[in-house]
């Protein structure tokens, strides 16, 4: 879960932008990239 992956999420959705929900494991995510995104 990093900036490269977030940039590939849909940009045309009705919510006005993609949303991340991580309930898996903390090591999956790069928190600096989440904040920047």
ModelCIF file with pLDDT and N, C-alpha, C, O atoms, coordinates in Angstrom:
data_MODEL
#
_entry.id   MODEL 
#
_entity.id                         1 
_entity.type                       polymer 
_entity.pdbx_number_of_molecules   1 
#
_entity_poly.entity_id                      1 
_entity_poly.type                           'polypeptide(L)' 
_entity_poly.nstd_linkage                   no 
_entity_poly.nstd_monomer                   no 
_entity_poly.pdbx_seq_one_letter_code       
;(UNK)(UNK)(UNK)(UNK)(UNK)(UNK)(UNK)(UNK)(UNK)(UNK)(UNK)(UNK)(UNK)(UNK)(UNK)(UNK)
(UNK)(UNK)(UNK)(UNK)(UNK)(UNK)(UNK)(UNK)(UNK)(UNK)(UNK)(UNK)(UNK)(UNK)(UNK)(UNK)
(UNK)(UNK)(UNK)(UNK)(UNK)
;
_entity_poly.pdbx_seq_one_letter_code_can   XXXXXXXXXXXXXXXXXXXXXXXXXXXXXXXXXXXXX 
_entity_poly.pdbx_strand_id                 A 
#
loop_
_entity_poly_seq.entity_id 
_entity_poly_seq.num 
_entity_poly_seq.mon_id 
_entity_poly_seq.hetero 
1 1  UNK n 
1 2  UNK n 
1 3  UNK n 
1 4  UNK n 
1 5  UNK n 
1 6  UNK n 
1 7  UNK n 
1 8  UNK n 
1 9  UNK n 
1 10 UNK n 
1 11 UNK n 
1 12 UNK n 
1 13 UNK n 
1 14 UNK n 
1 15 UNK n 
1 16 UNK n 
1 17 UNK n 
1 18 UNK n 
1 19 UNK n 
1 20 UNK n 
1 21 UNK n 
1 22 UNK n 
1 23 UNK n 
1 24 UNK n 
1 25 UNK n 
1 26 UNK n 
1 27 UNK n 
1 28 UNK n 
1 29 UNK n 
1 30 UNK n 
1 31 UNK n 
1 32 UNK n 
1 33 UNK n 
1 34 UNK n 
1 35 UNK n 
1 36 UNK n 
1 37 UNK n 
#
_struct_asym.id          A 
_struct_asym.entity_id   1 
#
loop_
_ma_qa_metric.id 
_ma_qa_metric.mode 
_ma_qa_metric.name 
_ma_qa_metric.software_group_id 
_ma_qa_metric.type 
1 global pLDDT . pLDDT 
2 local  pLDDT . pLDDT 
#
_ma_qa_metric_global.metric_id      1 
_ma_qa_metric_global.metric_value   97.78 
_ma_qa_metric_global.model_id       1 
_ma_qa_metric_global.ordinal_id     1 
#
loop_
_ma_qa_metric_local.label_asym_id 
_ma_qa_metric_local.label_comp_id 
_ma_qa_metric_local.label_seq_id 
_ma_qa_metric_local.metric_id 
_ma_qa_metric_local.metric_value 
_ma_qa_metric_local.model_id 
_ma_qa_metric_local.ordinal_id 
A UNK 1  2 98.00 1 1  
A UNK 2  2 98.00 1 2  
A UNK 3  2 98.00 1 3  
A UNK 4  2 98.00 1 4  
A UNK 5  2 98.00 1 5  
A UNK 6  2 98.00 1 6  
A UNK 7  2 98.00 1 7  
A UNK 8  2 98.00 1 8  
A UNK 9  2 98.00 1 9  
A UNK 10 2 98.00 1 10 
A UNK 11 2 97.00 1 11 
A UNK 12 2 97.00 1 12 
A UNK 13 2 98.00 1 13 
A UNK 14 2 97.00 1 14 
A UNK 15 2 97.00 1 15 
A UNK 16 2 96.00 1 16 
A UNK 17 2 98.00 1 17 
A UNK 18 2 98.00 1 18 
A UNK 19 2 98.00 1 19 
A UNK 20 2 99.00 1 20 
A UNK 21 2 99.00 1 21 
A UNK 22 2 98.00 1 22 
A UNK 23 2 98.00 1 23 
A UNK 24 2 97.00 1 24 
A UNK 25 2 96.00 1 25 
A UNK 26 2 97.00 1 26 
A UNK 27 2 97.00 1 27 
A UNK 28 2 98.00 1 28 
A UNK 29 2 98.00 1 29 
A UNK 30 2 98.00 1 30 
A UNK 31 2 98.00 1 31 
A UNK 32 2 98.00 1 32 
A UNK 33 2 98.00 1 33 
A UNK 34 2 99.00 1 34 
A UNK 35 2 98.00 1 35 
A UNK 36 2 98.00 1 36 
A UNK 37 2 98.00 1 37 
#
loop_
_atom_site.group_PDB 
_atom_site.id 
_atom_site.type_symbol 
_atom_site.label_atom_id 
_atom_site.label_alt_id 
_atom_site.label_comp_id 
_atom_site.label_asym_id 
_atom_site.label_entity_id 
_atom_site.label_seq_id 
_atom_site.pdbx_PDB_ins_code 
_atom_site.Cartn_x 
_atom_site.Cartn_y 
_atom_site.Cartn_z 
_atom_site.occupancy 
_atom_site.B_iso_or_equiv 
_atom_site.pdbx_formal_charge 
_atom_site.auth_seq_id 
_atom_site.auth_comp_id 
_atom_site.auth_asym_id 
_atom_site.auth_atom_id 
_atom_site.pdbx_PDB_model_num 
ATOM 1   N N  . UNK A 1 1  ? 0.857   -1.192 0.000   1.00 98.00 ? 1  UNK A N  1 
ATOM 2   C CA . UNK A 1 1  ? 0.000   0.000  0.000   1.00 98.00 ? 1  UNK A CA 1 
ATOM 3   C C  . UNK A 1 1  ? 0.892   1.241  0.000   1.00 98.00 ? 1  UNK A C  1 
ATOM 4   O O  . UNK A 1 1  ? 1.209   1.814  1.042   1.00 98.00 ? 1  UNK A O  1 
ATOM 5   N N  . UNK A 1 2  ? 1.278   1.626  -1.203  1.00 98.00 ? 2  UNK A N  1 
ATOM 6   C CA . UNK A 1 2  ? 2.209   2.732  -1.370  1.00 98.00 ? 2  UNK A CA 1 
ATOM 7   C C  . UNK A 1 2  ? 1.695   3.713  -2.418  1.00 98.00 ? 2  UNK A C  1 
ATOM 8   O O  . UNK A 1 2  ? 0.642   3.497  -3.018  1.00 98.00 ? 2  UNK A O  1 
ATOM 9   N N  . UNK A 1 3  ? 2.431   4.774  -2.629  1.00 98.00 ? 3  UNK A N  1 
ATOM 10  C CA . UNK A 1 3  ? 1.990   5.811  -3.549  1.00 98.00 ? 3  UNK A CA 1 
ATOM 11  C C  . UNK A 1 3  ? 1.753   5.311  -4.952  1.00 98.00 ? 3  UNK A C  1 
ATOM 12  O O  . UNK A 1 3  ? 0.812   5.748  -5.615  1.00 98.00 ? 3  UNK A O  1 
ATOM 13  N N  . UNK A 1 4  ? 2.593   4.397  -5.420  1.00 98.00 ? 4  UNK A N  1 
ATOM 14  C CA . UNK A 1 4  ? 2.408   3.855  -6.764  1.00 98.00 ? 4  UNK A CA 1 
ATOM 15  C C  . UNK A 1 4  ? 1.098   3.129  -6.916  1.00 98.00 ? 4  UNK A C  1 
ATOM 16  O O  . UNK A 1 4  ? 0.437   3.249  -7.948  1.00 98.00 ? 4  UNK A O  1 
ATOM 17  N N  . UNK A 1 5  ? 0.706   2.370  -5.895  1.00 98.00 ? 5  UNK A N  1 
ATOM 18  C CA . UNK A 1 5  ? -0.572  1.660  -5.945  1.00 98.00 ? 5  UNK A CA 1 
ATOM 19  C C  . UNK A 1 5  ? -1.741  2.639  -5.859  1.00 98.00 ? 5  UNK A C  1 
ATOM 20  O O  . UNK A 1 5  ? -2.713  2.503  -6.601  1.00 98.00 ? 5  UNK A O  1 
ATOM 21  N N  . UNK A 1 6  ? -1.659  3.622  -4.964  1.00 98.00 ? 6  UNK A N  1 
ATOM 22  C CA . UNK A 1 6  ? -2.768  4.564  -4.812  1.00 98.00 ? 6  UNK A CA 1 
ATOM 23  C C  . UNK A 1 6  ? -3.028  5.333  -6.114  1.00 98.00 ? 6  UNK A C  1 
ATOM 24  O O  . UNK A 1 6  ? -4.175  5.646  -6.434  1.00 98.00 ? 6  UNK A O  1 
ATOM 25  N N  . UNK A 1 7  ? -1.972  5.631  -6.854  1.00 98.00 ? 7  UNK A N  1 
ATOM 26  C CA . UNK A 1 7  ? -2.124  6.379  -8.097  1.00 98.00 ? 7  UNK A CA 1 
ATOM 27  C C  . UNK A 1 7  ? -2.853  5.586  -9.165  1.00 98.00 ? 7  UNK A C  1 
ATOM 28  O O  . UNK A 1 7  ? -3.330  6.163  -10.143 1.00 98.00 ? 7  UNK A O  1 
ATOM 29  N N  . UNK A 1 8  ? -2.949  4.283  -8.999  1.00 98.00 ? 8  UNK A N  1 
ATOM 30  C CA . UNK A 1 8  ? -3.615  3.434  -9.996  1.00 98.00 ? 8  UNK A CA 1 
ATOM 31  C C  . UNK A 1 8  ? -5.083  3.182  -9.675  1.00 98.00 ? 8  UNK A C  1 
ATOM 32  O O  . UNK A 1 8  ? -5.773  2.495  -10.428 1.00 98.00 ? 8  UNK A O  1 
ATOM 33  N N  . UNK A 1 9  ? -5.568  3.734  -8.557  1.00 98.00 ? 9  UNK A N  1 
ATOM 34  C CA . UNK A 1 9  ? -6.983  3.591  -8.217  1.00 98.00 ? 9  UNK A CA 1 
ATOM 35  C C  . UNK A 1 9  ? -7.846  4.476  -9.112  1.00 98.00 ? 9  UNK A C  1 
ATOM 36  O O  . UNK A 1 9  ? -7.350  5.414  -9.737  1.00 98.00 ? 9  UNK A O  1 
ATOM 37  N N  . UNK A 1 10 ? -9.134  4.170  -9.166  1.00 98.00 ? 10 UNK A N  1 
ATOM 38  C CA . UNK A 1 10 ? -10.064 4.884  -10.054 1.00 98.00 ? 10 UNK A CA 1 
ATOM 39  C C  . UNK A 1 10 ? -10.103 6.371  -9.717  1.00 98.00 ? 10 UNK A C  1 
ATOM 40  O O  . UNK A 1 10 ? -10.099 6.757  -8.548  1.00 98.00 ? 10 UNK A O  1 
ATOM 41  N N  . UNK A 1 11 ? -10.140 7.194  -10.754 1.00 97.00 ? 11 UNK A N  1 
ATOM 42  C CA . UNK A 1 11 ? -10.242 8.646  -10.576 1.00 97.00 ? 11 UNK A CA 1 
ATOM 43  C C  . UNK A 1 11 ? -11.600 9.180  -11.006 1.00 97.00 ? 11 UNK A C  1 
ATOM 44  O O  . UNK A 1 11 ? -11.862 10.378 -10.894 1.00 97.00 ? 11 UNK A O  1 
ATOM 45  N N  . UNK A 1 12 ? -12.476 8.289  -11.504 1.00 97.00 ? 12 UNK A N  1 
ATOM 46  C CA . UNK A 1 12 ? -13.752 8.736  -12.078 1.00 97.00 ? 12 UNK A CA 1 
ATOM 47  C C  . UNK A 1 12 ? -14.944 8.345  -11.213 1.00 97.00 ? 12 UNK A C  1 
ATOM 48  O O  . UNK A 1 12 ? -16.071 8.319  -11.707 1.00 97.00 ? 12 UNK A O  1 
ATOM 49  N N  . UNK A 1 13 ? -14.724 8.041  -9.934  1.00 98.00 ? 13 UNK A N  1 
ATOM 50  C CA . UNK A 1 13 ? -15.798 7.553  -9.085  1.00 98.00 ? 13 UNK A CA 1 
ATOM 51  C C  . UNK A 1 13 ? -16.675 8.652  -8.522  1.00 98.00 ? 13 UNK A C  1 
ATOM 52  O O  . UNK A 1 13 ? -16.292 9.822  -8.521  1.00 98.00 ? 13 UNK A O  1 
ATOM 53  N N  . UNK A 1 14 ? -17.854 8.275  -8.041  1.00 97.00 ? 14 UNK A N  1 
ATOM 54  C CA . UNK A 1 14 ? -18.832 9.237  -7.547  1.00 97.00 ? 14 UNK A CA 1 
ATOM 55  C C  . UNK A 1 14 ? -18.462 9.796  -6.176  1.00 97.00 ? 14 UNK A C  1 
ATOM 56  O O  . UNK A 1 14 ? -19.074 10.765 -5.728  1.00 97.00 ? 14 UNK A O  1 
ATOM 57  N N  . UNK A 1 15 ? -17.467 9.206  -5.496  1.00 97.00 ? 15 UNK A N  1 
ATOM 58  C CA . UNK A 1 15 ? -17.065 9.724  -4.195  1.00 97.00 ? 15 UNK A CA 1 
ATOM 59  C C  . UNK A 1 15 ? -16.116 10.910 -4.298  1.00 97.00 ? 15 UNK A C  1 
ATOM 60  O O  . UNK A 1 15 ? -15.816 11.556 -3.293  1.00 97.00 ? 15 UNK A O  1 
ATOM 61  N N  . UNK A 1 16 ? -15.645 11.198 -5.499  1.00 96.00 ? 16 UNK A N  1 
ATOM 62  C CA . UNK A 1 16 ? -14.736 12.326 -5.685  1.00 96.00 ? 16 UNK A CA 1 
ATOM 63  C C  . UNK A 1 16 ? -13.281 11.990 -5.480  1.00 96.00 ? 16 UNK A C  1 
ATOM 64  O O  . UNK A 1 16 ? -12.432 12.882 -5.474  1.00 96.00 ? 16 UNK A O  1 
ATOM 65  N N  . UNK A 1 17 ? -12.982 10.726 -5.314  1.00 98.00 ? 17 UNK A N  1 
ATOM 66  C CA . UNK A 1 17 ? -11.604 10.280 -5.138  1.00 98.00 ? 17 UNK A CA 1 
ATOM 67  C C  . UNK A 1 17 ? -11.600 8.960  -4.418  1.00 98.00 ? 17 UNK A C  1 
ATOM 68  O O  . UNK A 1 17 ? -12.572 8.622  -3.743  1.00 98.00 ? 17 UNK A O  1 
ATOM 69  N N  . UNK A 1 18 ? -10.526 8.200  -4.544  1.00 98.00 ? 18 UNK A N  1 
ATOM 70  C CA . UNK A 1 18 ? -10.475 6.869  -3.933  1.00 98.00 ? 18 UNK A CA 1 
ATOM 71  C C  . UNK A 1 18 ? -10.252 6.928  -2.424  1.00 98.00 ? 18 UNK A C  1 
ATOM 72  O O  . UNK A 1 18 ? -9.639  7.855  -1.895  1.00 98.00 ? 18 UNK A O  1 
ATOM 73  N N  . UNK A 1 19 ? -10.774 5.899  -1.753  1.00 98.00 ? 19 UNK A N  1 
ATOM 74  C CA . UNK A 1 19 ? -10.703 5.778  -0.296  1.00 98.00 ? 19 UNK A CA 1 
ATOM 75  C C  . UNK A 1 19 ? -9.985  4.474  0.046   1.00 98.00 ? 19 UNK A C  1 
ATOM 76  O O  . UNK A 1 19 ? -10.217 3.446  -0.591  1.00 98.00 ? 19 UNK A O  1 
ATOM 77  N N  . UNK A 1 20 ? -9.119  4.520  1.046   1.00 99.00 ? 20 UNK A N  1 
ATOM 78  C CA . UNK A 1 20 ? -8.396  3.340  1.526   1.00 99.00 ? 20 UNK A CA 1 
ATOM 79  C C  . UNK A 1 20 ? -8.970  2.892  2.859   1.00 99.00 ? 20 UNK A C  1 
ATOM 80  O O  . UNK A 1 20 ? -9.154  3.707  3.763   1.00 99.00 ? 20 UNK A O  1 
ATOM 81  N N  . UNK A 1 21 ? -9.255  1.588  2.989   1.00 99.00 ? 21 UNK A N  1 
ATOM 82  C CA . UNK A 1 21 ? -9.652  0.990  4.259   1.00 99.00 ? 21 UNK A CA 1 
ATOM 83  C C  . UNK A 1 21 ? -8.699  -0.177 4.511   1.00 99.00 ? 21 UNK A C  1 
ATOM 84  O O  . UNK A 1 21 ? -8.780  -1.199 3.828   1.00 99.00 ? 21 UNK A O  1 
ATOM 85  N N  . UNK A 1 22 ? -7.802  -0.035 5.481   1.00 98.00 ? 22 UNK A N  1 
ATOM 86  C CA . UNK A 1 22 ? -6.865  -1.122 5.790   1.00 98.00 ? 22 UNK A CA 1 
ATOM 87  C C  . UNK A 1 22 ? -7.168  -1.692 7.166   1.00 98.00 ? 22 UNK A C  1 
ATOM 88  O O  . UNK A 1 22 ? -6.934  -1.050 8.190   1.00 98.00 ? 22 UNK A O  1 
ATOM 89  N N  . UNK A 1 23 ? -7.696  -2.918 7.168   1.00 98.00 ? 23 UNK A N  1 
ATOM 90  C CA . UNK A 1 23 ? -7.918  -3.661 8.409   1.00 98.00 ? 23 UNK A CA 1 
ATOM 91  C C  . UNK A 1 23 ? -7.107  -4.950 8.394   1.00 98.00 ? 23 UNK A C  1 
ATOM 92  O O  . UNK A 1 23 ? -7.384  -5.870 9.165   1.00 98.00 ? 23 UNK A O  1 
ATOM 93  N N  . UNK A 1 24 ? -6.102  -5.021 7.514   1.00 97.00 ? 24 UNK A N  1 
ATOM 94  C CA . UNK A 1 24 ? -5.269  -6.210 7.392   1.00 97.00 ? 24 UNK A CA 1 
ATOM 95  C C  . UNK A 1 24 ? -4.115  -6.190 8.377   1.00 97.00 ? 24 UNK A C  1 
ATOM 96  O O  . UNK A 1 24 ? -4.277  -6.559 9.540   1.00 97.00 ? 24 UNK A O  1 
ATOM 97  N N  . UNK A 1 25 ? -2.945  -5.759 7.910   1.00 96.00 ? 25 UNK A N  1 
ATOM 98  C CA . UNK A 1 25 ? -1.762  -5.692 8.759   1.00 96.00 ? 25 UNK A CA 1 
ATOM 99  C C  . UNK A 1 25 ? -1.065  -4.357 8.531   1.00 96.00 ? 25 UNK A C  1 
ATOM 100 O O  . UNK A 1 25 ? -1.088  -3.814 7.426   1.00 96.00 ? 25 UNK A O  1 
ATOM 101 N N  . UNK A 1 26 ? -0.438  -3.829 9.596   1.00 97.00 ? 26 UNK A N  1 
ATOM 102 C CA . UNK A 1 26 ? 0.222   -2.536 9.479   1.00 97.00 ? 26 UNK A CA 1 
ATOM 103 C C  . UNK A 1 26 ? 1.396   -2.549 8.518   1.00 97.00 ? 26 UNK A C  1 
ATOM 104 O O  . UNK A 1 26 ? 1.678   -1.545 7.863   1.00 97.00 ? 26 UNK A O  1 
ATOM 105 N N  . UNK A 1 27 ? 2.086   -3.692 8.431   1.00 97.00 ? 27 UNK A N  1 
ATOM 106 C CA . UNK A 1 27 ? 3.234   -3.767 7.538   1.00 97.00 ? 27 UNK A CA 1 
ATOM 107 C C  . UNK A 1 27 ? 2.887   -3.715 6.065   1.00 97.00 ? 27 UNK A C  1 
ATOM 108 O O  . UNK A 1 27 ? 3.781   -3.598 5.226   1.00 97.00 ? 27 UNK A O  1 
ATOM 109 N N  . UNK A 1 28 ? 1.607   -3.800 5.732   1.00 98.00 ? 28 UNK A N  1 
ATOM 110 C CA . UNK A 1 28 ? 1.189   -3.674 4.335   1.00 98.00 ? 28 UNK A CA 1 
ATOM 111 C C  . UNK A 1 28 ? 1.334   -2.250 3.835   1.00 98.00 ? 28 UNK A C  1 
ATOM 112 O O  . UNK A 1 28 ? 1.515   -2.028 2.637   1.00 98.00 ? 28 UNK A O  1 
ATOM 113 N N  . UNK A 1 29 ? 1.256   -1.266 4.752   1.00 98.00 ? 29 UNK A N  1 
ATOM 114 C CA . UNK A 1 29 ? 1.149   0.119  4.328   1.00 98.00 ? 29 UNK A CA 1 
ATOM 115 C C  . UNK A 1 29 ? 2.435   0.900  4.557   1.00 98.00 ? 29 UNK A C  1 
ATOM 116 O O  . UNK A 1 29 ? 3.202   0.632  5.482   1.00 98.00 ? 29 UNK A O  1 
ATOM 117 N N  . UNK A 1 30 ? 2.641   1.881  3.673   1.00 98.00 ? 30 UNK A N  1 
ATOM 118 C CA . UNK A 1 30 ? 3.727   2.851  3.819   1.00 98.00 ? 30 UNK A CA 1 
ATOM 119 C C  . UNK A 1 30 ? 3.059   4.144  4.275   1.00 98.00 ? 30 UNK A C  1 
ATOM 120 O O  . UNK A 1 30 ? 2.451   4.845  3.465   1.00 98.00 ? 30 UNK A O  1 
ATOM 121 N N  . UNK A 1 31 ? 3.163   4.462  5.544   1.00 98.00 ? 31 UNK A N  1 
ATOM 122 C CA . UNK A 1 31 ? 2.375   5.554  6.087   1.00 98.00 ? 31 UNK A CA 1 
ATOM 123 C C  . UNK A 1 31 ? 2.786   6.912  5.543   1.00 98.00 ? 31 UNK A C  1 
ATOM 124 O O  . UNK A 1 31 ? 1.948   7.807  5.430   1.00 98.00 ? 31 UNK A O  1 
ATOM 125 N N  . UNK A 1 32 ? 4.051   7.083  5.207   1.00 98.00 ? 32 UNK A N  1 
ATOM 126 C CA . UNK A 1 32 ? 4.472   8.341  4.586   1.00 98.00 ? 32 UNK A CA 1 
ATOM 127 C C  . UNK A 1 32 ? 3.764   8.538  3.245   1.00 98.00 ? 32 UNK A C  1 
ATOM 128 O O  . UNK A 1 32 ? 3.399   9.659  2.892   1.00 98.00 ? 32 UNK A O  1 
ATOM 129 N N  . UNK A 1 33 ? 3.572   7.457  2.505   1.00 98.00 ? 33 UNK A N  1 
ATOM 130 C CA . UNK A 1 33 ? 2.880   7.543  1.215   1.00 98.00 ? 33 UNK A CA 1 
ATOM 131 C C  . UNK A 1 33 ? 1.383   7.795  1.402   1.00 98.00 ? 33 UNK A C  1 
ATOM 132 O O  . UNK A 1 33 ? 0.770   8.507  0.607   1.00 98.00 ? 33 UNK A O  1 
ATOM 133 N N  . UNK A 1 34 ? 0.796   7.215  2.449   1.00 99.00 ? 34 UNK A N  1 
ATOM 134 C CA . UNK A 1 34 ? -0.615  7.485  2.729   1.00 99.00 ? 34 UNK A CA 1 
ATOM 135 C C  . UNK A 1 34 ? -0.805  8.968  3.012   1.00 99.00 ? 34 UNK A C  1 
ATOM 136 O O  . UNK A 1 34 ? -1.708  9.596  2.460   1.00 99.00 ? 34 UNK A O  1 
ATOM 137 N N  . UNK A 1 35 ? 0.035   9.524  3.866   1.00 98.00 ? 35 UNK A N  1 
ATOM 138 C CA . UNK A 1 35 ? -0.071  10.948 4.199   1.00 98.00 ? 35 UNK A CA 1 
ATOM 139 C C  . UNK A 1 35 ? 0.130   11.826 2.974   1.00 98.00 ? 35 UNK A C  1 
ATOM 140 O O  . UNK A 1 35 ? -0.627  12.771 2.751   1.00 98.00 ? 35 UNK A O  1 
ATOM 141 N N  . UNK A 1 36 ? 1.147   11.518 2.181   1.00 98.00 ? 36 UNK A N  1 
ATOM 142 C CA . UNK A 1 36 ? 1.396   12.317 0.977   1.00 98.00 ? 36 UNK A CA 1 
ATOM 143 C C  . UNK A 1 36 ? 0.227   12.219 0.005   1.00 98.00 ? 36 UNK A C  1 
ATOM 144 O O  . UNK A 1 36 ? -0.143  13.211 -0.623  1.00 98.00 ? 36 UNK A O  1 
ATOM 145 N N  . UNK A 1 37 ? -0.355  11.035 -0.122  1.00 98.00 ? 37 UNK A N  1 
ATOM 146 C CA . UNK A 1 37 ? -1.467  10.838 -1.061  1.00 98.00 ? 37 UNK A CA 1 
ATOM 147 C C  . UNK A 1 37 ? -2.737  11.529 -0.575  1.00 98.00 ? 37 UNK A C  1 
ATOM 148 O O  . UNK A 1 37 ? -3.768  11.466 -1.243  1.00 98.00 ? 37 UNK A O  1 
#
